[in-house]
């Protein structure tokens, strides 16, 4: 049985200064390292110096204060 994986690529520069990118996700691939602020249940959790690679972080969105770039959000 194969699972369907949905992906969406985003750049932090696409985020409005006071809004959050609002796609929920189950994992995230980071293409350019930096800080990631993940919104989970209305609360922001910050991760500093996230390296390039695939991470098993999940959340309801990415805050505009994120400095990491070229992220692929994955959900299944």
C-alpha atoms as a PDB file:
ATOM      1  CA  UNK A   1       0.000   0.000   0.000  1.00  0.00           C
ATOM      2  CA  UNK A   2       1.527   3.321  -1.005  1.00  0.00           C
ATOM      3  CA  UNK A   3       0.929   6.557   0.843  1.00  0.00           C
ATOM      4  CA  UNK A   4       0.221   9.837  -0.855  1.00  0.00           C
ATOM      5  CA  UNK A   5       2.596  12.631   0.109  1.00  0.00           C
ATOM      6  CA  UNK A   6       1.587  16.225  -0.552  1.00  0.00           C
ATOM      7  CA  UNK A   7       4.360  18.795  -0.787  1.00  0.00           C
ATOM      8  CA  UNK A   8       4.559  22.547  -1.011  1.00  0.00           C
ATOM      9  CA  UNK A   9       7.726  24.599  -1.426  1.00  0.00           C
ATOM     10  CA  UNK A  10       7.921  28.017   0.173  1.00  0.00           C
ATOM     11  CA  UNK A  11      10.496  30.741   0.662  1.00  0.00           C
ATOM     12  CA  UNK A  12      10.416  32.840   3.826  1.00  0.00           C
ATOM     13  CA  UNK A  13      10.451  35.996   1.664  1.00  0.00           C
ATOM     14  CA  UNK A  14       6.968  35.013   0.449  1.00  0.00           C
ATOM     15  CA  UNK A  15       5.592  35.511   3.950  1.00  0.00           C
ATOM     16  CA  UNK A  16       3.945  38.786   4.910  1.00  0.00           C
ATOM     17  CA  UNK A  17       5.701  40.452   7.837  1.00  0.00           C
ATOM     18  CA  UNK A  18       2.823  39.968  10.266  1.00  0.00           C
ATOM     19  CA  UNK A  19       1.219  36.781   9.001  1.00  0.00           C
ATOM     20  CA  UNK A  20       2.012  33.083   9.005  1.00  0.00           C
ATOM     21  CA  UNK A  21       2.226  30.617   6.177  1.00  0.00           C
ATOM     22  CA  UNK A  22      -0.825  28.483   6.884  1.00  0.00           C
ATOM     23  CA  UNK A  23      -0.337  24.952   5.548  1.00  0.00           C
ATOM     24  CA  UNK A  24      -0.257  22.190   8.143  1.00  0.00           C
ATOM     25  CA  UNK A  25       2.557  19.682   7.661  1.00  0.00           C
ATOM     26  CA  UNK A  26       4.002  16.444   9.057  1.00  0.00           C
ATOM     27  CA  UNK A  27       7.646  16.907   8.008  1.00  0.00           C
ATOM     28  CA  UNK A  28       9.783  19.663   6.548  1.00  0.00           C
ATOM     29  CA  UNK A  29      12.784  19.707   4.227  1.00  0.00           C
ATOM     30  CA  UNK A  30      15.037  22.738   4.705  1.00  0.00           C
ATOM     31  CA  UNK A  31      17.095  23.782   1.688  1.00  0.00           C
ATOM     32  CA  UNK A  32      18.846  26.800   3.277  1.00  0.00           C
ATOM     33  CA  UNK A  33      19.618  26.569   7.000  1.00  0.00           C
ATOM     34  CA  UNK A  34      18.325  29.102   9.506  1.00  0.00           C
ATOM     35  CA  UNK A  35      15.792  29.520  12.284  1.00  0.00           C
ATOM     36  CA  UNK A  36      12.292  28.060  11.942  1.00  0.00           C
ATOM     37  CA  UNK A  37       9.318  29.273  13.949  1.00  0.00           C
ATOM     38  CA  UNK A  38       6.546  26.679  13.774  1.00  0.00           C
ATOM     39  CA  UNK A  39       2.981  27.391  14.815  1.00  0.00           C
ATOM     40  CA  UNK A  40       1.345  24.530  16.725  1.00  0.00           C
ATOM     41  CA  UNK A  41      -2.124  24.984  18.185  1.00  0.00           C
ATOM     42  CA  UNK A  42      -1.780  28.766  18.100  1.00  0.00           C
ATOM     43  CA  UNK A  43       1.570  28.719  19.937  1.00  0.00           C
ATOM     44  CA  UNK A  44       4.896  29.451  18.202  1.00  0.00           C
ATOM     45  CA  UNK A  45       7.782  27.056  18.829  1.00  0.00           C
ATOM     46  CA  UNK A  46      11.216  28.262  17.739  1.00  0.00           C
ATOM     47  CA  UNK A  47      14.028  26.066  16.435  1.00  0.00           C
ATOM     48  CA  UNK A  48      17.424  27.736  16.037  1.00  0.00           C
ATOM     49  CA  UNK A  49      20.060  26.955  13.410  1.00  0.00           C
ATOM     50  CA  UNK A  50      18.095  24.187  11.684  1.00  0.00           C
ATOM     51  CA  UNK A  51      20.478  22.532   9.203  1.00  0.00           C
ATOM     52  CA  UNK A  52      19.740  21.615   5.598  1.00  0.00           C
ATOM     53  CA  UNK A  53      17.884  18.314   5.404  1.00  0.00           C
ATOM     54  CA  UNK A  54      14.672  16.486   6.213  1.00  0.00           C
ATOM     55  CA  UNK A  55      13.221  17.006   9.693  1.00  0.00           C
ATOM     56  CA  UNK A  56      10.304  15.278  11.411  1.00  0.00           C
ATOM     57  CA  UNK A  57       8.776  18.530  12.636  1.00  0.00           C
ATOM     58  CA  UNK A  58       5.031  19.000  12.344  1.00  0.00           C
ATOM     59  CA  UNK A  59       2.796  21.987  12.817  1.00  0.00           C
ATOM     60  CA  UNK A  60      -0.089  24.112  11.657  1.00  0.00           C
ATOM     61  CA  UNK A  61       2.021  26.718   9.871  1.00  0.00           C
ATOM     62  CA  UNK A  62       5.344  28.564   9.611  1.00  0.00           C
ATOM     63  CA  UNK A  63       5.643  31.998  11.220  1.00  0.00           C
ATOM     64  CA  UNK A  64       6.823  34.968   9.177  1.00  0.00           C
ATOM     65  CA  UNK A  65       9.802  35.367  11.544  1.00  0.00           C
ATOM     66  CA  UNK A  66      11.404  32.217  10.050  1.00  0.00           C
ATOM     67  CA  UNK A  67      14.846  32.801   8.518  1.00  0.00           C
ATOM     68  CA  UNK A  68      15.408  29.332   6.982  1.00  0.00           C
ATOM     69  CA  UNK A  69      14.610  29.254   3.283  1.00  0.00           C
ATOM     70  CA  UNK A  70      13.585  26.975   0.425  1.00  0.00           C
ATOM     71  CA  UNK A  71      11.462  24.735   2.608  1.00  0.00           C
ATOM     72  CA  UNK A  72       9.347  21.847   1.366  1.00  0.00           C
ATOM     73  CA  UNK A  73       6.415  21.130   3.672  1.00  0.00           C
ATOM     74  CA  UNK A  74       5.168  17.538   3.504  1.00  0.00           C
ATOM     75  CA  UNK A  75       1.898  16.080   4.733  1.00  0.00           C
ATOM     76  CA  UNK A  76       0.408  12.636   4.554  1.00  0.00           C
END
